[in-house]
Amino acid sequence: MSRMMDADKFLSWLSEVEGEIRREKMKDCQPDRYDDGLMAATGTVREYVEKMCKIDEAEGKADQSWIPCSERLPEDESYILVSFENSTMPDIARYEENDEGGTFYPGDDEKSYSSYGFFVNAWMPLPELYRREDEQDHETD
């Protein structure tokens, strides 16, 4: 069974390791290339983890932003969340393309939103499905 460690917990653990290295270094009072190498390595790992957290955070925010249809359309045959220019409630939709262009449909409905008088002005990807942690652990086994 594989377990993923939270980035904050990992950085906290890394700080503990660095503290132990500093304490050992102070006991010896001698320059030690091994300790210096460990400190350099933990510093590099810390920088990498912090950069990856920033990237993950930025991607998470990007996934939660409305994308105007005038800017970009979703992939063909995808399910997405849509916003309307003439309604205040978003909806789960299906987007399909054909020779004439693309059309938004309510869920698995065969009639388009425009046939109901609703006009899609923006969309965003659906969030990932909720899974309990124990379900996620079984998937990675």
C-alpha atoms as a PDB file:
ATOM      1  CA  MET A   1       0.000   0.000   0.000  1.00  0.00           C
ATOM      2  CA  SER A   2       1.423   3.394  -0.951  1.00  0.00           C
ATOM      3  CA  ARG A   3       0.812   6.489   1.146  1.00  0.00           C
ATOM      4  CA  MET A   4       1.289  10.056   0.041  1.00  0.00           C
ATOM      5  CA  MET A   5       2.561  12.572   2.582  1.00  0.00           C
ATOM      6  CA  ASP A   6       0.991  16.028   2.690  1.00  0.00           C
ATOM      7  CA  ALA A   7       3.442  18.720   1.495  1.00  0.00           C
ATOM      8  CA  ASP A   8       3.146  20.677   4.758  1.00  0.00           C
ATOM      9  CA  LYS A   9       3.932  17.559   6.803  1.00  0.00           C
ATOM     10  CA  PHE A  10       6.871  16.786   4.535  1.00  0.00           C
ATOM     11  CA  LEU A  11       8.274  20.314   4.869  1.00  0.00           C
ATOM     12  CA  SER A  12       7.844  20.093   8.646  1.00  0.00           C
ATOM     13  CA  TRP A  13       9.710  16.763   8.679  1.00  0.00           C
ATOM     14  CA  LEU A  14      12.419  18.301   6.505  1.00  0.00           C
ATOM     15  CA  SER A  15      12.809  21.136   9.042  1.00  0.00           C
ATOM     16  CA  GLU A  16      13.254  18.550  11.807  1.00  0.00           C
ATOM     17  CA  VAL A  17      15.956  16.803   9.770  1.00  0.00           C
ATOM     18  CA  GLU A  18      17.740  20.109   9.170  1.00  0.00           C
ATOM     19  CA  GLY A  19      17.552  20.872  12.921  1.00  0.00           C
ATOM     20  CA  GLU A  20      19.108  17.496  13.746  1.00  0.00           C
ATOM     21  CA  ILE A  21      21.909  18.107  11.248  1.00  0.00           C
ATOM     22  CA  ARG A  22      22.602  21.544  12.775  1.00  0.00           C
ATOM     23  CA  ARG A  23      22.670  20.088  16.312  1.00  0.00           C
ATOM     24  CA  GLU A  24      25.107  17.357  15.254  1.00  0.00           C
ATOM     25  CA  LYS A  25      27.236  19.911  13.446  1.00  0.00           C
ATOM     26  CA  MET A  26      27.437  22.086  16.584  1.00  0.00           C
ATOM     27  CA  LYS A  27      28.503  19.085  18.718  1.00  0.00           C
ATOM     28  CA  ASP A  28      31.471  18.345  16.496  1.00  0.00           C
ATOM     29  CA  CYS A  29      32.609  21.975  16.064  1.00  0.00           C
ATOM     30  CA  GLN A  30      34.460  20.753  12.998  1.00  0.00           C
ATOM     31  CA  PRO A  31      33.580  21.535   9.392  1.00  0.00           C
ATOM     32  CA  ASP A  32      31.989  18.411   7.970  1.00  0.00           C
ATOM     33  CA  ARG A  33      31.463  18.075   4.228  1.00  0.00           C
ATOM     34  CA  TYR A  34      28.858  15.340   4.804  1.00  0.00           C
ATOM     35  CA  ASP A  35      26.677  17.652   6.925  1.00  0.00           C
ATOM     36  CA  ASP A  36      27.136  20.509   4.455  1.00  0.00           C
ATOM     37  CA  GLY A  37      26.062  18.198   1.627  1.00  0.00           C
ATOM     38  CA  LEU A  38      22.973  17.066   3.549  1.00  0.00           C
ATOM     39  CA  MET A  39      21.997  20.676   4.279  1.00  0.00           C
ATOM     40  CA  ALA A  40      22.433  21.607   0.607  1.00  0.00           C
ATOM     41  CA  ALA A  41      20.342  18.597  -0.451  1.00  0.00           C
ATOM     42  CA  THR A  42      17.520  19.353   2.007  1.00  0.00           C
ATOM     43  CA  GLY A  43      17.540  22.987   0.833  1.00  0.00           C
ATOM     44  CA  THR A  44      17.193  21.877  -2.789  1.00  0.00           C
ATOM     45  CA  VAL A  45      14.374  19.473  -1.921  1.00  0.00           C
ATOM     46  CA  ARG A  46      12.610  22.212   0.084  1.00  0.00           C
ATOM     47  CA  GLU A  47      12.801  24.641  -2.879  1.00  0.00           C
ATOM     48  CA  TYR A  48      11.461  21.972  -5.254  1.00  0.00           C
ATOM     49  CA  VAL A  49       8.509  21.056  -2.988  1.00  0.00           C
ATOM     50  CA  GLU A  50       7.613  24.717  -2.437  1.00  0.00           C
ATOM     51  CA  LYS A  51       7.687  25.381  -6.203  1.00  0.00           C
ATOM     52  CA  MET A  52       5.510  22.324  -6.888  1.00  0.00           C
ATOM     53  CA  CYS A  53       3.002  23.502  -4.249  1.00  0.00           C
ATOM     54  CA  LYS A  54       2.800  26.905  -5.948  1.00  0.00           C
ATOM     55  CA  ILE A  55       2.232  25.244  -9.341  1.00  0.00           C
ATOM     56  CA  ASP A  56      -0.456  22.939  -7.903  1.00  0.00           C
ATOM     57  CA  GLU A  57      -2.150  25.904  -6.242  1.00  0.00           C
ATOM     58  CA  ALA A  58      -2.093  27.948  -9.477  1.00  0.00           C
ATOM     59  CA  GLU A  59      -3.472  25.019 -11.504  1.00  0.00           C
ATOM     60  CA  GLY A  60      -6.211  24.457  -8.940  1.00  0.00           C
ATOM     61  CA  LYS A  61      -7.269  28.087  -9.206  1.00  0.00           C
ATOM     62  CA  ALA A  62      -7.156  27.948 -13.002  1.00  0.00           C
ATOM     63  CA  ASP A  63      -9.436  24.904 -13.012  1.00  0.00           C
ATOM     64  CA  GLN A  64     -11.996  26.843 -10.988  1.00  0.00           C
ATOM     65  CA  SER A  65     -12.277  29.818 -13.348  1.00  0.00           C
ATOM     66  CA  TRP A  66     -15.002  30.397 -15.920  1.00  0.00           C
ATOM     67  CA  ILE A  67     -13.723  30.272 -19.500  1.00  0.00           C
ATOM     68  CA  PRO A  68     -15.658  32.543 -21.883  1.00  0.00           C
ATOM     69  CA  CYS A  69     -16.909  30.720 -24.995  1.00  0.00           C
ATOM     70  CA  SER A  70     -15.509  33.578 -27.079  1.00  0.00           C
ATOM     71  CA  GLU A  71     -12.051  32.719 -25.712  1.00  0.00           C
ATOM     72  CA  ARG A  72     -12.051  28.922 -26.006  1.00  0.00           C
ATOM     73  CA  LEU A  73     -14.507  26.041 -26.366  1.00  0.00           C
ATOM     74  CA  PRO A  74     -14.345  22.740 -24.460  1.00  0.00           C
ATOM     75  CA  GLU A  75     -13.126  19.492 -25.991  1.00  0.00           C
ATOM     76  CA  ASP A  76     -15.567  17.581 -28.173  1.00  0.00           C
ATOM     77  CA  GLU A  77     -17.878  15.171 -26.317  1.00  0.00           C
ATOM     78  CA  SER A  78     -16.932  16.494 -22.877  1.00  0.00           C
ATOM     79  CA  TYR A  79     -19.082  17.115 -19.815  1.00  0.00           C
ATOM     80  CA  ILE A  80     -18.603  20.539 -18.254  1.00  0.00           C
ATOM     81  CA  LEU A  81     -20.243  23.149 -16.065  1.00  0.00           C
ATOM     82  CA  VAL A  82     -21.865  25.973 -18.066  1.00  0.00           C
ATOM     83  CA  SER A  83     -22.995  29.517 -17.323  1.00  0.00           C
ATOM     84  CA  PHE A  84     -25.712  31.345 -19.270  1.00  0.00           C
ATOM     85  CA  GLU A  85     -26.029  34.935 -20.419  1.00  0.00           C
ATOM     86  CA  ASN A  86     -29.781  34.841 -19.696  1.00  0.00           C
ATOM     87  CA  SER A  87     -30.007  32.745 -16.504  1.00  0.00           C
ATOM     88  CA  THR A  88     -28.421  32.866 -13.055  1.00  0.00           C
ATOM     89  CA  MET A  89     -28.094  29.105 -12.427  1.00  0.00           C
ATOM     90  CA  PRO A  90     -25.158  27.113 -13.865  1.00  0.00           C
ATOM     91  CA  ASP A  91     -25.772  23.595 -15.192  1.00  0.00           C
ATOM     92  CA  ILE A  92     -23.894  20.421 -16.107  1.00  0.00           C
ATOM     93  CA  ALA A  93     -23.695  20.197 -19.878  1.00  0.00           C
ATOM     94  CA  ARG A  94     -22.332  18.111 -22.711  1.00  0.00           C
ATOM     95  CA  TYR A  95     -20.475  19.770 -25.576  1.00  0.00           C
ATOM     96  CA  GLU A  96     -20.446  18.191 -29.041  1.00  0.00           C
ATOM     97  CA  GLU A  97     -18.967  19.348 -32.316  1.00  0.00           C
ATOM     98  CA  ASN A  98     -20.122  18.596 -35.853  1.00  0.00           C
ATOM     99  CA  ASP A  99     -19.477  20.028 -39.346  1.00  0.00           C
ATOM    100  CA  GLU A 100     -21.473  23.170 -38.495  1.00  0.00           C
ATOM    101  CA  GLY A 101     -19.710  23.910 -35.204  1.00  0.00           C
ATOM    102  CA  GLY A 102     -20.250  23.087 -31.557  1.00  0.00           C
ATOM    103  CA  THR A 103     -23.421  22.730 -29.495  1.00  0.00           C
ATOM    104  CA  PHE A 104     -24.104  22.608 -25.759  1.00  0.00           C
ATOM    105  CA  TYR A 105     -26.679  20.107 -24.460  1.00  0.00           C
ATOM    106  CA  PRO A 106     -28.174  19.745 -20.968  1.00  0.00           C
ATOM    107  CA  GLY A 107     -26.549  16.572 -19.601  1.00  0.00           C
ATOM    108  CA  ASP A 108     -27.567  13.648 -21.830  1.00  0.00           C
ATOM    109  CA  ASP A 109     -30.506  15.522 -23.417  1.00  0.00           C
ATOM    110  CA  GLU A 110     -30.822  15.399 -27.222  1.00  0.00           C
ATOM    111  CA  LYS A 111     -32.137  18.981 -27.465  1.00  0.00           C
ATOM    112  CA  SER A 112     -29.637  21.841 -27.208  1.00  0.00           C
ATOM    113  CA  TYR A 113     -29.772  24.671 -24.682  1.00  0.00           C
ATOM    114  CA  SER A 114     -30.520  27.140 -27.484  1.00  0.00           C
ATOM    115  CA  SER A 115     -33.667  25.186 -28.390  1.00  0.00           C
ATOM    116  CA  TYR A 116     -34.854  25.879 -24.818  1.00  0.00           C
ATOM    117  CA  GLY A 117     -33.903  29.566 -25.130  1.00  0.00           C
ATOM    118  CA  PHE A 118     -30.728  29.412 -22.983  1.00  0.00           C
ATOM    119  CA  PHE A 119     -27.457  30.804 -24.306  1.00  0.00           C
ATOM    120  CA  VAL A 120     -24.149  29.522 -22.919  1.00  0.00           C
ATOM    121  CA  ASN A 121     -21.587  32.282 -22.420  1.00  0.00           C
ATOM    122  CA  ALA A 122     -18.903  30.489 -20.357  1.00  0.00           C
ATOM    123  CA  TRP A 123     -17.861  27.050 -19.125  1.00  0.00           C
ATOM    124  CA  MET A 124     -15.432  25.330 -16.752  1.00  0.00           C
ATOM    125  CA  PRO A 125     -14.228  21.747 -16.246  1.00  0.00           C
ATOM    126  CA  LEU A 126     -16.165  19.647 -13.768  1.00  0.00           C
ATOM    127  CA  PRO A 127     -14.362  18.974 -10.491  1.00  0.00           C
ATOM    128  CA  GLU A 128     -13.026  15.481  -9.899  1.00  0.00           C
ATOM    129  CA  LEU A 129     -15.389  13.032  -8.257  1.00  0.00           C
ATOM    130  CA  TYR A 130     -15.207  12.748  -4.498  1.00  0.00           C
ATOM    131  CA  ARG A 131     -13.459   9.635  -3.256  1.00  0.00           C
ATOM    132  CA  ARG A 132     -12.851   8.682   0.363  1.00  0.00           C
ATOM    133  CA  GLU A 133      -9.178   8.340   1.252  1.00  0.00           C
ATOM    134  CA  ASP A 134      -9.476   4.581   1.744  1.00  0.00           C
ATOM    135  CA  GLU A 135     -10.922   4.291  -1.797  1.00  0.00           C
ATOM    136  CA  GLN A 136      -7.977   6.266  -3.191  1.00  0.00           C
ATOM    137  CA  ASP A 137      -5.487   4.030  -1.359  1.00  0.00           C
ATOM    138  CA  HIS A 138      -7.009   0.910  -2.988  1.00  0.00           C
ATOM    139  CA  GLU A 139      -6.712   2.477  -6.455  1.00  0.00           C
ATOM    140  CA  THR A 140      -2.948   2.962  -6.091  1.00  0.00           C
ATOM    141  CA  ASP A 141      -2.277  -0.614  -4.904  1.00  0.00           C
END
